[in-house]
Amino acid sequence: MEGITYEGEGQTNGNEDVTEVNGYQLYYEKIDSKRLLAKCCGGECTFRLWASWMRDEYSFQIKSLINEHNCARNFNYRWIGSHFTREVLENEKLNIRMLKKAVKNKFGIECNIPKI
């Protein structure tokens, strides 16, 4: 993944300090006009991404990446909703049990959705 470029704030969630990516809570420890440092779980996880600004191309380029996590993913209702929006909108008979099964089949994740 080193050498991949990302154009500006739209791909980095620019002005926010924390963003959720694939169930991981990433935060930007440093982000300015020259560099970007993203960490996971408040820095307690081993994941690190260093990138630097490429002035001529108006993008960030990944310089180093430790793409291993020693933390647990955080899948919440927003994350599930972002991946199953179409199914929920198109199938009015979709219930919680069916949604749990779909999440398990697609991502291999057991989720606890409380009864309302």
PDB file of N, CA and C in Angstrom:
ATOM      1  N   MET A   1       0.800  -1.191   0.000  1.00  0.00           N
ATOM      2  CA  MET A   1       0.000   0.000   0.000  1.00  0.00           C
ATOM      3  C   MET A   1       0.846   1.260   0.000  1.00  0.00           C
ATOM      4  N   GLU A   2       2.133   1.112   0.261  1.00  0.00           N
ATOM      5  CA  GLU A   2       2.986   2.289   0.234  1.00  0.00           C
ATOM      6  C   GLU A   2       3.035   2.832  -1.177  1.00  0.00           C
ATOM      7  N   GLY A   3       3.017   4.148  -1.303  1.00  0.00           N
ATOM      8  CA  GLY A   3       3.051   4.784  -2.605  1.00  0.00           C
ATOM      9  C   GLY A   3       1.690   5.131  -3.154  1.00  0.00           C
ATOM     10  N   ILE A   4       0.604   4.628  -2.531  1.00  0.00           N
ATOM     11  CA  ILE A   4      -0.747   4.963  -2.978  1.00  0.00           C
ATOM     12  C   ILE A   4      -1.017   6.414  -2.609  1.00  0.00           C
ATOM     13  N   THR A   5      -1.688   7.136  -3.490  1.00  0.00           N
ATOM     14  CA  THR A   5      -1.972   8.543  -3.217  1.00  0.00           C
ATOM     15  C   THR A   5      -3.454   8.734  -2.916  1.00  0.00           C
ATOM     16  N   TYR A   6      -3.735   9.718  -2.081  1.00  0.00           N
ATOM     17  CA  TYR A   6      -5.096  10.091  -1.722  1.00  0.00           C
ATOM     18  C   TYR A   6      -5.243  11.577  -1.912  1.00  0.00           C
ATOM     19  N   GLU A   7      -6.272  11.965  -2.633  1.00  0.00           N
ATOM     20  CA  GLU A   7      -6.467  13.373  -2.932  1.00  0.00           C
ATOM     21  C   GLU A   7      -7.255  14.045  -1.823  1.00  0.00           C
ATOM     22  N   GLY A   8      -6.592  14.864  -1.080  1.00  0.00           N
ATOM     23  CA  GLY A   8      -7.181  15.790  -0.133  1.00  0.00           C
ATOM     24  C   GLY A   8      -8.139  15.244   0.893  1.00  0.00           C
ATOM     25  N   GLU A   9      -8.975  16.146   1.385  1.00  0.00           N
ATOM     26  CA  GLU A   9      -9.776  15.894   2.548  1.00  0.00           C
ATOM     27  C   GLU A   9     -10.903  14.898   2.319  1.00  0.00           C
ATOM     28  N   GLY A  10     -11.419  14.798   1.116  1.00  0.00           N
ATOM     29  CA  GLY A  10     -12.530  13.897   0.858  1.00  0.00           C
ATOM     30  C   GLY A  10     -12.214  12.452   1.157  1.00  0.00           C
ATOM     31  N   GLN A  11     -10.974  12.041   0.991  1.00  0.00           N
ATOM     32  CA  GLN A  11     -10.604  10.663   1.230  1.00  0.00           C
ATOM     33  C   GLN A  11     -10.054  10.448   2.633  1.00  0.00           C
ATOM     34  N   THR A  12      -9.713  11.482   3.335  1.00  0.00           N
ATOM     35  CA  THR A  12      -9.163  11.322   4.681  1.00  0.00           C
ATOM     36  C   THR A  12     -10.139  11.750   5.761  1.00  0.00           C
ATOM     37  N   ASN A  13     -11.335  12.212   5.376  1.00  0.00           N
ATOM     38  CA  ASN A  13     -12.306  12.743   6.314  1.00  0.00           C
ATOM     39  C   ASN A  13     -11.767  14.002   6.963  1.00  0.00           C
ATOM     40  N   GLY A  14     -11.019  14.748   6.224  1.00  0.00           N
ATOM     41  CA  GLY A  14     -10.317  15.967   6.511  1.00  0.00           C
ATOM     42  C   GLY A  14     -10.358  16.636   7.848  1.00  0.00           C
ATOM     43  N   ASN A  15     -11.462  17.267   8.217  1.00  0.00           N
ATOM     44  CA  ASN A  15     -11.473  18.088   9.404  1.00  0.00           C
ATOM     45  C   ASN A  15     -11.824  17.319  10.665  1.00  0.00           C
ATOM     46  N   GLU A  16     -12.119  16.052  10.571  1.00  0.00           N
ATOM     47  CA  GLU A  16     -12.476  15.273  11.742  1.00  0.00           C
ATOM     48  C   GLU A  16     -11.230  14.616  12.318  1.00  0.00           C
ATOM     49  N   ASP A  17     -11.200  14.506  13.648  1.00  0.00           N
ATOM     50  CA  ASP A  17     -10.069  13.860  14.304  1.00  0.00           C
ATOM     51  C   ASP A  17     -10.204  12.349  14.315  1.00  0.00           C
ATOM     52  N   VAL A  18     -11.442  11.848  14.311  1.00  0.00           N
ATOM     53  CA  VAL A  18     -11.691  10.407  14.395  1.00  0.00           C
ATOM     54  C   VAL A  18     -12.622  10.003  13.266  1.00  0.00           C
ATOM     55  N   THR A  19     -12.336   8.856  12.674  1.00  0.00           N
ATOM     56  CA  THR A  19     -13.215   8.308  11.650  1.00  0.00           C
ATOM     57  C   THR A  19     -13.251   6.798  11.816  1.00  0.00           C
ATOM     58  N   GLU A  20     -14.325   6.172  11.399  1.00  0.00           N
ATOM     59  CA  GLU A  20     -14.436   4.732  11.481  1.00  0.00           C
ATOM     60  C   GLU A  20     -14.202   4.147  10.098  1.00  0.00           C
ATOM     61  N   VAL A  21     -13.250   3.217  10.011  1.00  0.00           N
ATOM     62  CA  VAL A  21     -12.908   2.573   8.745  1.00  0.00           C
ATOM     63  C   VAL A  21     -12.933   1.075   8.970  1.00  0.00           C
ATOM     64  N   ASN A  22     -13.823   0.384   8.261  1.00  0.00           N
ATOM     65  CA  ASN A  22     -13.947  -1.069   8.369  1.00  0.00           C
ATOM     66  C   ASN A  22     -14.060  -1.546   9.810  1.00  0.00           C
ATOM     67  N   GLY A  23     -14.758  -0.786  10.628  1.00  0.00           N
ATOM     68  CA  GLY A  23     -14.978  -1.184  12.011  1.00  0.00           C
ATOM     69  C   GLY A  23     -13.895  -0.756  12.971  1.00  0.00           C
ATOM     70  N   TYR A  24     -12.834  -0.131  12.493  1.00  0.00           N
ATOM     71  CA  TYR A  24     -11.751   0.344  13.355  1.00  0.00           C
ATOM     72  C   TYR A  24     -11.884   1.844  13.571  1.00  0.00           C
ATOM     73  N   GLN A  25     -11.626   2.288  14.800  1.00  0.00           N
ATOM     74  CA  GLN A  25     -11.671   3.705  15.131  1.00  0.00           C
ATOM     75  C   GLN A  25     -10.297   4.314  14.866  1.00  0.00           C
ATOM     76  N   LEU A  26     -10.144   4.986  13.735  1.00  0.00           N
ATOM     77  CA  LEU A  26      -8.885   5.629  13.385  1.00  0.00           C
ATOM     78  C   LEU A  26      -8.953   7.097  13.745  1.00  0.00           C
ATOM     79  N   TYR A  27      -7.845   7.632  14.222  1.00  0.00           N
ATOM     80  CA  TYR A  27      -7.791   9.060  14.474  1.00  0.00           C
ATOM     81  C   TYR A  27      -6.503   9.610  13.898  1.00  0.00           C
ATOM     82  N   TYR A  28      -6.545  10.882  13.588  1.00  0.00           N
ATOM     83  CA  TYR A  28      -5.402  11.549  12.979  1.00  0.00           C
ATOM     84  C   TYR A  28      -4.625  12.272  14.065  1.00  0.00           C
ATOM     85  N   GLU A  29      -3.483  11.696  14.418  1.00  0.00           N
ATOM     86  CA  GLU A  29      -2.650  12.310  15.447  1.00  0.00           C
ATOM     87  C   GLU A  29      -1.999  13.582  14.915  1.00  0.00           C
ATOM     88  N   LYS A  30      -1.574  13.522  13.660  1.00  0.00           N
ATOM     89  CA  LYS A  30      -1.011  14.693  12.997  1.00  0.00           C
ATOM     90  C   LYS A  30      -1.608  14.789  11.612  1.00  0.00           C
ATOM     91  N   ILE A  31      -2.105  15.945  11.286  1.00  0.00           N
ATOM     92  CA  ILE A  31      -2.550  16.198   9.921  1.00  0.00           C
ATOM     93  C   ILE A  31      -2.379  17.695   9.682  1.00  0.00           C
ATOM     94  N   ASP A  32      -1.510  18.008   8.756  1.00  0.00           N
ATOM     95  CA  ASP A  32      -1.256  19.395   8.407  1.00  0.00           C
ATOM     96  C   ASP A  32      -0.914  19.465   6.927  1.00  0.00           C
ATOM     97  N   SER A  33      -0.324  20.547   6.505  1.00  0.00           N
ATOM     98  CA  SER A  33      -0.048  20.728   5.078  1.00  0.00           C
ATOM     99  C   SER A  33       1.117  19.879   4.579  1.00  0.00           C
ATOM    100  N   LYS A  34       1.851  19.211   5.492  1.00  0.00           N
ATOM    101  CA  LYS A  34       3.012  18.427   5.077  1.00  0.00           C
ATOM    102  C   LYS A  34       2.883  16.934   5.337  1.00  0.00           C
ATOM    103  N   ARG A  35       2.122  16.553   6.350  1.00  0.00           N
ATOM    104  CA  ARG A  35       2.128  15.140   6.735  1.00  0.00           C
ATOM    105  C   ARG A  35       0.809  14.731   7.383  1.00  0.00           C
ATOM    106  N   LEU A  36       0.644  13.411   7.466  1.00  0.00           N
ATOM    107  CA  LEU A  36      -0.521  12.824   8.090  1.00  0.00           C
ATOM    108  C   LEU A  36      -0.069  11.587   8.848  1.00  0.00           C
ATOM    109  N   LEU A  37      -0.482  11.454  10.091  1.00  0.00           N
ATOM    110  CA  LEU A  37      -0.234  10.259  10.886  1.00  0.00           C
ATOM    111  C   LEU A  37      -1.574   9.776  11.410  1.00  0.00           C
ATOM    112  N   ALA A  38      -1.976   8.574  10.993  1.00  0.00           N
ATOM    113  CA  ALA A  38      -3.225   7.981  11.461  1.00  0.00           C
ATOM    114  C   ALA A  38      -2.888   6.805  12.367  1.00  0.00           C
ATOM    115  N   LYS A  39      -3.592   6.723  13.507  1.00  0.00           N
ATOM    116  CA  LYS A  39      -3.431   5.625  14.460  1.00  0.00           C
ATOM    117  C   LYS A  39      -4.806   5.061  14.777  1.00  0.00           C
ATOM    118  N   CYS A  40      -4.810   3.922  15.443  1.00  0.00           N
ATOM    119  CA  CYS A  40      -6.046   3.253  15.803  1.00  0.00           C
ATOM    120  C   CYS A  40      -6.149   3.148  17.322  1.00  0.00           C
ATOM    121  N   CYS A  41      -7.372   3.233  17.827  1.00  0.00           N
ATOM    122  CA  CYS A  41      -7.669   3.028  19.254  1.00  0.00           C
ATOM    123  C   CYS A  41      -6.845   3.914  20.176  1.00  0.00           C
ATOM    124  N   GLY A  42      -6.757   5.172  19.853  1.00  0.00           N
ATOM    125  CA  GLY A  42      -6.027   6.098  20.716  1.00  0.00           C
ATOM    126  C   GLY A  42      -4.541   5.809  20.787  1.00  0.00           C
ATOM    127  N   GLY A  43      -4.011   5.106  19.804  1.00  0.00           N
ATOM    128  CA  GLY A  43      -2.590   4.792  19.771  1.00  0.00           C
ATOM    129  C   GLY A  43      -2.227   3.491  20.472  1.00  0.00           C
ATOM    130  N   GLU A  44      -3.204   2.814  21.071  1.00  0.00           N
ATOM    131  CA  GLU A  44      -2.929   1.555  21.768  1.00  0.00           C
ATOM    132  C   GLU A  44      -2.777   0.377  20.811  1.00  0.00           C
ATOM    133  N   CYS A  45      -3.297   0.493  19.616  1.00  0.00           N
ATOM    134  CA  CYS A  45      -3.219  -0.558  18.602  1.00  0.00           C
ATOM    135  C   CYS A  45      -1.908  -0.406  17.818  1.00  0.00           C
ATOM    136  N   THR A  46      -1.470  -1.472  17.175  1.00  0.00           N
ATOM    137  CA  THR A  46      -0.220  -1.437  16.410  1.00  0.00           C
ATOM    138  C   THR A  46      -0.362  -0.765  15.052  1.00  0.00           C
ATOM    139  N   PHE A  47      -1.581  -0.527  14.579  1.00  0.00           N
ATOM    140  CA  PHE A  47      -1.799   0.086  13.274  1.00  0.00           C
ATOM    141  C   PHE A  47      -1.209   1.504  13.234  1.00  0.00           C
ATOM    142  N   ARG A  48      -0.463   1.808  12.153  1.00  0.00           N
ATOM    143  CA  ARG A  48       0.083   3.152  11.921  1.00  0.00           C
ATOM    144  C   ARG A  48       0.106   3.416  10.421  1.00  0.00           C
ATOM    145  N   LEU A  49      -0.232   4.629  10.040  1.00  0.00           N
ATOM    146  CA  LEU A  49      -0.147   5.048   8.656  1.00  0.00           C
ATOM    147  C   LEU A  49       0.505   6.424   8.621  1.00  0.00           C
ATOM    148  N   TRP A  50       1.660   6.515   7.962  1.00  0.00           N
ATOM    149  CA  TRP A  50       2.352   7.789   7.747  1.00  0.00           C
ATOM    150  C   TRP A  50       2.206   8.155   6.287  1.00  0.00           C
ATOM    151  N   ALA A  51       1.860   9.391   6.030  1.00  0.00           N
ATOM    152  CA  ALA A  51       1.749   9.864   4.653  1.00  0.00           C
ATOM    153  C   ALA A  51       2.271  11.292   4.587  1.00  0.00           C
ATOM    154  N   SER A  52       2.708  11.678   3.415  1.00  0.00           N
ATOM    155  CA  SER A  52       3.177  13.058   3.242  1.00  0.00           C
ATOM    156  C   SER A  52       2.467  13.689   2.049  1.00  0.00           C
ATOM    157  N   TRP A  53       2.359  14.992   2.114  1.00  0.00           N
ATOM    158  CA  TRP A  53       1.659  15.767   1.103  1.00  0.00           C
ATOM    159  C   TRP A  53       2.524  15.884  -0.148  1.00  0.00           C
ATOM    160  N   MET A  54       1.949  15.601  -1.301  1.00  0.00           N
ATOM    161  CA  MET A  54       2.630  15.754  -2.579  1.00  0.00           C
ATOM    162  C   MET A  54       2.102  17.035  -3.212  1.00  0.00           C
ATOM    163  N   ARG A  55       2.860  18.088  -3.135  1.00  0.00           N
ATOM    164  CA  ARG A  55       2.398  19.413  -3.562  1.00  0.00           C
ATOM    165  C   ARG A  55       2.011  19.474  -5.034  1.00  0.00           C
ATOM    166  N   ASP A  56       2.791  18.832  -5.883  1.00  0.00           N
ATOM    167  CA  ASP A  56       2.524  18.915  -7.320  1.00  0.00           C
ATOM    168  C   ASP A  56       1.230  18.208  -7.714  1.00  0.00           C
ATOM    169  N   GLU A  57       0.828  17.204  -6.944  1.00  0.00           N
ATOM    170  CA  GLU A  57      -0.353  16.415  -7.293  1.00  0.00           C
ATOM    171  C   GLU A  57      -1.538  16.682  -6.371  1.00  0.00           C
ATOM    172  N   TYR A  58      -1.367  17.511  -5.370  1.00  0.00           N
ATOM    173  CA  TYR A  58      -2.419  17.822  -4.411  1.00  0.00           C
ATOM    174  C   TYR A  58      -3.025  16.558  -3.804  1.00  0.00           C
ATOM    175  N   SER A  59      -2.175  15.709  -3.273  1.00  0.00           N
ATOM    176  CA  SER A  59      -2.629  14.461  -2.663  1.00  0.00           C
ATOM    177  C   SER A  59      -1.631  14.028  -1.603  1.00  0.00           C
ATOM    178  N   PHE A  60      -2.063  13.087  -0.756  1.00  0.00           N
ATOM    179  CA  PHE A  60      -1.176  12.461   0.212  1.00  0.00           C
ATOM    180  C   PHE A  60      -0.659  11.159  -0.379  1.00  0.00           C
ATOM    181  N   GLN A  61       0.602  10.833  -0.104  1.00  0.00           N
ATOM    182  CA  GLN A  61       1.176   9.558  -0.518  1.00  0.00           C
ATOM    183  C   GLN A  61       1.587   8.799   0.723  1.00  0.00           C
ATOM    184  N   ILE A  62       1.170   7.528   0.807  1.00  0.00           N
ATOM    185  CA  ILE A  62       1.528   6.700   1.952  1.00  0.00           C
ATOM    186  C   ILE A  62       3.013   6.396   1.894  1.00  0.00           C
ATOM    187  N   LYS A  63       3.705   6.707   2.982  1.00  0.00           N
ATOM    188  CA  LYS A  63       5.147   6.453   3.080  1.00  0.00           C
ATOM    189  C   LYS A  63       5.427   5.172   3.847  1.00  0.00           C
ATOM    190  N   SER A  64       4.681   4.934   4.914  1.00  0.00           N
ATOM    191  CA  SER A  64       4.834   3.679   5.652  1.00  0.00           C
ATOM    192  C   SER A  64       3.488   3.277   6.232  1.00  0.00           C
ATOM    193  N   LEU A  65       3.301   1.976   6.352  1.00  0.00           N
ATOM    194  CA  LEU A  65       2.041   1.451   6.826  1.00  0.00           C
ATOM    195  C   LEU A  65       2.282   0.181   7.623  1.00  0.00           C
ATOM    196  N   ILE A  66       1.780   0.160   8.843  1.00  0.00           N
ATOM    197  CA  ILE A  66       1.712  -1.068   9.632  1.00  0.00           C
ATOM    198  C   ILE A  66       0.232  -1.426   9.638  1.00  0.00           C
ATOM    199  N   ASN A  67      -0.149  -2.352   8.791  1.00  0.00           N
ATOM    200  CA  ASN A  67      -1.562  -2.652   8.548  1.00  0.00           C
ATOM    201  C   ASN A  67      -2.036  -3.852   9.359  1.00  0.00           C
ATOM    202  N   GLU A  68      -1.552  -3.965  10.585  1.00  0.00           N
ATOM    203  CA  GLU A  68      -1.982  -5.030  11.480  1.00  0.00           C
ATOM    204  C   GLU A  68      -2.595  -4.396  12.717  1.00  0.00           C
ATOM    205  N   HIS A  69      -3.713  -4.957  13.134  1.00  0.00           N
ATOM    206  CA  HIS A  69      -4.398  -4.453  14.321  1.00  0.00           C
ATOM    207  C   HIS A  69      -4.305  -5.486  15.434  1.00  0.00           C
ATOM    208  N   ASN A  70      -4.079  -5.029  16.660  1.00  0.00           N
ATOM    209  CA  ASN A  70      -4.151  -5.912  17.819  1.00  0.00           C
ATOM    210  C   ASN A  70      -5.306  -5.479  18.722  1.00  0.00           C
ATOM    211  N   CYS A  71      -6.303  -4.869  18.108  1.00  0.00           N
ATOM    212  CA  CYS A  71      -7.484  -4.412  18.829  1.00  0.00           C
ATOM    213  C   CYS A  71      -8.709  -5.093  18.234  1.00  0.00           C
ATOM    214  N   ALA A  72      -9.848  -4.872  18.837  1.00  0.00           N
ATOM    215  CA  ALA A  72     -11.095  -5.443  18.338  1.00  0.00           C
ATOM    216  C   ALA A  72     -11.809  -4.419  17.466  1.00  0.00           C
ATOM    217  N   ARG A  73     -12.440  -4.899  16.432  1.00  0.00           N
ATOM    218  CA  ARG A  73     -13.237  -4.016  15.591  1.00  0.00           C
ATOM    219  C   ARG A  73     -14.475  -3.570  16.346  1.00  0.00           C
ATOM    220  N   ASN A  74     -14.981  -2.427  15.968  1.00  0.00           N
ATOM    221  CA  ASN A  74     -16.176  -1.877  16.581  1.00  0.00           C
ATOM    222  C   ASN A  74     -17.239  -1.728  15.502  1.00  0.00           C
ATOM    223  N   PHE A  75     -18.082  -2.723  15.399  1.00  0.00           N
ATOM    224  CA  PHE A  75     -19.153  -2.665  14.414  1.00  0.00           C
ATOM    225  C   PHE A  75     -20.409  -2.177  15.112  1.00  0.00           C
ATOM    226  N   ASN A  76     -20.858  -1.003  14.759  1.00  0.00           N
ATOM    227  CA  ASN A  76     -22.064  -0.468  15.371  1.00  0.00           C
ATOM    228  C   ASN A  76     -23.170  -0.384  14.331  1.00  0.00           C
ATOM    229  N   TYR A  77     -24.314   0.112  14.752  1.00  0.00           N
ATOM    230  CA  TYR A  77     -25.459   0.164  13.853  1.00  0.00           C
ATOM    231  C   TYR A  77     -25.195   1.032  12.618  1.00  0.00           C
ATOM    232  N   ARG A  78     -24.355   2.075  12.746  1.00  0.00           N
ATOM    233  CA  ARG A  78     -24.043   2.911  11.580  1.00  0.00           C
ATOM    234  C   ARG A  78     -23.240   2.119  10.551  1.00  0.00           C
ATOM    235  N   TRP A  79     -22.270   1.355  11.033  1.00  0.00           N
ATOM    236  CA  TRP A  79     -21.448   0.565  10.125  1.00  0.00           C
ATOM    237  C   TRP A  79     -22.310  -0.476   9.418  1.00  0.00           C
ATOM    238  N   ILE A  80     -23.142  -1.176  10.175  1.00  0.00           N
ATOM    239  CA  ILE A  80     -24.024  -2.184   9.579  1.00  0.00           C
ATOM    240  C   ILE A  80     -24.975  -1.516   8.591  1.00  0.00           C
ATOM    241  N   GLY A  81     -25.549  -0.396   8.980  1.00  0.00           N
ATOM    242  CA  GLY A  81     -26.469   0.322   8.105  1.00  0.00           C
ATOM    243  C   GLY A  81     -25.823   0.780   6.813  1.00  0.00           C
ATOM    244  N   SER A  82     -24.564   1.205   6.894  1.00  0.00           N
ATOM    245  CA  SER A  82     -23.880   1.671   5.685  1.00  0.00           C
ATOM    246  C   SER A  82     -23.643   0.547   4.687  1.00  0.00           C
ATOM    247  N   HIS A  83     -23.586  -0.697   5.164  1.00  0.00           N
ATOM    248  CA  HIS A  83     -23.353  -1.827   4.271  1.00  0.00           C
ATOM    249  C   HIS A  83     -24.644  -2.533   3.832  1.00  0.00           C
ATOM    250  N   PHE A  84     -25.748  -2.260   4.513  1.00  0.00           N
ATOM    251  CA  PHE A  84     -26.991  -2.954   4.199  1.00  0.00           C
ATOM    252  C   PHE A  84     -28.151  -1.995   3.918  1.00  0.00           C
ATOM    253  N   THR A  85     -27.856  -0.766   3.563  1.00  0.00           N
ATOM    254  CA  THR A  85     -28.905   0.223   3.304  1.00  0.00           C
ATOM    255  C   THR A  85     -29.851  -0.244   2.201  1.00  0.00           C
ATOM    256  N   ARG A  86     -29.299  -0.692   1.100  1.00  0.00           N
ATOM    257  CA  ARG A  86     -30.131  -1.110  -0.035  1.00  0.00           C
ATOM    258  C   ARG A  86     -31.044  -2.273   0.349  1.00  0.00           C
ATOM    259  N   GLU A  87     -30.487  -3.278   1.047  1.00  0.00           N
ATOM    260  CA  GLU A  87     -31.288  -4.428   1.438  1.00  0.00           C
ATOM    261  C   GLU A  87     -32.448  -4.022   2.344  1.00  0.00           C
ATOM    262  N   VAL A  88     -32.183  -3.117   3.277  1.00  0.00           N
ATOM    263  CA  VAL A  88     -33.227  -2.671   4.197  1.00  0.00           C
ATOM    264  C   VAL A  88     -34.315  -1.910   3.437  1.00  0.00           C
ATOM    265  N   LEU A  89     -33.910  -1.038   2.524  1.00  0.00           N
ATOM    266  CA  LEU A  89     -34.884  -0.240   1.778  1.00  0.00           C
ATOM    267  C   LEU A  89     -35.691  -1.073   0.785  1.00  0.00           C
ATOM    268  N   GLU A  90     -35.068  -2.085   0.187  1.00  0.00           N
ATOM    269  CA  GLU A  90     -35.741  -2.875  -0.839  1.00  0.00           C
ATOM    270  C   GLU A  90     -36.582  -4.020  -0.283  1.00  0.00           C
ATOM    271  N   ASN A  91     -36.303  -4.443   0.948  1.00  0.00           N
ATOM    272  CA  ASN A  91     -37.016  -5.592   1.507  1.00  0.00           C
ATOM    273  C   ASN A  91     -37.725  -5.168   2.783  1.00  0.00           C
ATOM    274  N   GLU A  92     -38.999  -4.829   2.657  1.00  0.00           N
ATOM    275  CA  GLU A  92     -39.737  -4.361   3.832  1.00  0.00           C
ATOM    276  C   GLU A  92     -40.028  -5.485   4.818  1.00  0.00           C
ATOM    277  N   LYS A  93     -39.815  -6.738   4.414  1.00  0.00           N
ATOM    278  CA  LYS A  93     -40.022  -7.875   5.318  1.00  0.00           C
ATOM    279  C   LYS A  93     -38.733  -8.289   6.027  1.00  0.00           C
ATOM    280  N   LEU A  94     -37.653  -7.565   5.803  1.00  0.00           N
ATOM    281  CA  LEU A  94     -36.376  -7.870   6.451  1.00  0.00           C
ATOM    282  C   LEU A  94     -36.504  -7.622   7.951  1.00  0.00           C
ATOM    283  N   ASN A  95     -36.236  -8.660   8.736  1.00  0.00           N
ATOM    284  CA  ASN A  95     -36.319  -8.501  10.180  1.00  0.00           C
ATOM    285  C   ASN A  95     -34.919  -8.595  10.799  1.00  0.00           C
ATOM    286  N   ILE A  96     -34.859  -8.442  12.101  1.00  0.00           N
ATOM    287  CA  ILE A  96     -33.562  -8.430  12.798  1.00  0.00           C
ATOM    288  C   ILE A  96     -32.822  -9.753  12.610  1.00  0.00           C
ATOM    289  N   ARG A  97     -33.541 -10.850  12.713  1.00  0.00           N
ATOM    290  CA  ARG A  97     -32.923 -12.176  12.572  1.00  0.00           C
ATOM    291  C   ARG A  97     -32.302 -12.336  11.184  1.00  0.00           C
ATOM    292  N   MET A  98     -33.011 -11.870  10.155  1.00  0.00           N
ATOM    293  CA  MET A  98     -32.493 -11.955   8.784  1.00  0.00           C
ATOM    294  C   MET A  98     -31.269 -11.057   8.606  1.00  0.00           C
ATOM    295  N   LEU A  99     -31.318  -9.879   9.216  1.00  0.00           N
ATOM    296  CA  LEU A  99     -30.184  -8.958   9.118  1.00  0.00           C
ATOM    297  C   LEU A  99     -28.954  -9.527   9.816  1.00  0.00           C
ATOM    298  N   LYS A 100     -29.128 -10.119  10.993  1.00  0.00           N
ATOM    299  CA  LYS A 100     -28.006 -10.745  11.701  1.00  0.00           C
ATOM    300  C   LYS A 100     -27.375 -11.849  10.847  1.00  0.00           C
ATOM    301  N   LYS A 101     -28.227 -12.644  10.194  1.00  0.00           N
ATOM    302  CA  LYS A 101     -27.731 -13.726   9.340  1.00  0.00           C
ATOM    303  C   LYS A 101     -26.970 -13.164   8.139  1.00  0.00           C
ATOM    304  N   ALA A 102     -27.481 -12.081   7.548  1.00  0.00           N
ATOM    305  CA  ALA A 102     -26.810 -11.458   6.404  1.00  0.00           C
ATOM    306  C   ALA A 102     -25.451 -10.896   6.802  1.00  0.00           C
ATOM    307  N   VAL A 103     -25.364 -10.275   7.977  1.00  0.00           N
ATOM    308  CA  VAL A 103     -24.080  -9.747   8.465  1.00  0.00           C
ATOM    309  C   VAL A 103     -23.093 -10.887   8.677  1.00  0.00           C
ATOM    310  N   LYS A 104     -23.571 -11.983   9.255  1.00  0.00           N
ATOM    311  CA  LYS A 104     -22.683 -13.133   9.487  1.00  0.00           C
ATOM    312  C   LYS A 104     -22.215 -13.747   8.168  1.00  0.00           C
ATOM    313  N   ASN A 105     -23.120 -13.881   7.195  1.00  0.00           N
ATOM    314  CA  ASN A 105     -22.746 -14.469   5.903  1.00  0.00           C
ATOM    315  C   ASN A 105     -21.769 -13.591   5.126  1.00  0.00           C
ATOM    316  N   LYS A 106     -21.987 -12.281   5.161  1.00  0.00           N
ATOM    317  CA  LYS A 106     -21.164 -11.380   4.360  1.00  0.00           C
ATOM    318  C   LYS A 106     -19.800 -11.093   4.994  1.00  0.00           C
ATOM    319  N   PHE A 107     -19.780 -10.939   6.335  1.00  0.00           N
ATOM    320  CA  PHE A 107     -18.548 -10.512   7.004  1.00  0.00           C
ATOM    321  C   PHE A 107     -18.017 -11.510   8.028  1.00  0.00           C
ATOM    322  N   GLY A 108     -18.770 -12.578   8.305  1.00  0.00           N
ATOM    323  CA  GLY A 108     -18.327 -13.551   9.300  1.00  0.00           C
ATOM    324  C   GLY A 108     -18.371 -12.999  10.718  1.00  0.00           C
ATOM    325  N   ILE A 109     -19.293 -12.094  10.969  1.00  0.00           N
ATOM    326  CA  ILE A 109     -19.365 -11.412  12.256  1.00  0.00           C
ATOM    327  C   ILE A 109     -20.661 -11.781  12.961  1.00  0.00           C
ATOM    328  N   GLU A 110     -20.543 -12.205  14.218  1.00  0.00           N
ATOM    329  CA  GLU A 110     -21.706 -12.404  15.063  1.00  0.00           C
ATOM    330  C   GLU A 110     -22.034 -11.056  15.695  1.00  0.00           C
ATOM    331  N   CYS A 111     -23.241 -10.579  15.501  1.00  0.00           N
ATOM    332  CA  CYS A 111     -23.592  -9.296  16.115  1.00  0.00           C
ATOM    333  C   CYS A 111     -24.779  -9.482  17.053  1.00  0.00           C
ATOM    334  N   ASN A 112     -24.749  -8.718  18.107  1.00  0.00           N
ATOM    335  CA  ASN A 112     -25.839  -8.713  19.072  1.00  0.00           C
ATOM    336  C   ASN A 112     -26.670  -7.471  18.831  1.00  0.00           C
ATOM    337  N   ILE A 113     -27.833  -7.672  18.281  1.00  0.00           N
ATOM    338  CA  ILE A 113     -28.743  -6.575  18.057  1.00  0.00           C
ATOM    339  C   ILE A 113     -29.852  -6.719  19.093  1.00  0.00           C
ATOM    340  N   PRO A 114     -29.924  -5.781  20.033  1.00  0.00           N
ATOM    341  CA  PRO A 114     -30.930  -5.917  21.097  1.00  0.00           C
ATOM    342  C   PRO A 114     -32.341  -5.776  20.550  1.00  0.00           C
ATOM    343  N   LYS A 115     -33.269  -6.453  21.228  1.00  0.00           N
ATOM    344  CA  LYS A 115     -34.678  -6.337  20.854  1.00  0.00           C
ATOM    345  C   LYS A 115     -35.187  -4.989  21.328  1.00  0.00           C
ATOM    346  N   ILE A 116     -36.006  -4.381  20.506  1.00  0.00           N
ATOM    347  CA  ILE A 116     -36.540  -3.050  20.856  1.00  0.00           C
ATOM    348  C   ILE A 116     -37.952  -3.198  21.368  1.00  0.00           C
TER     349      ILE A 116
END
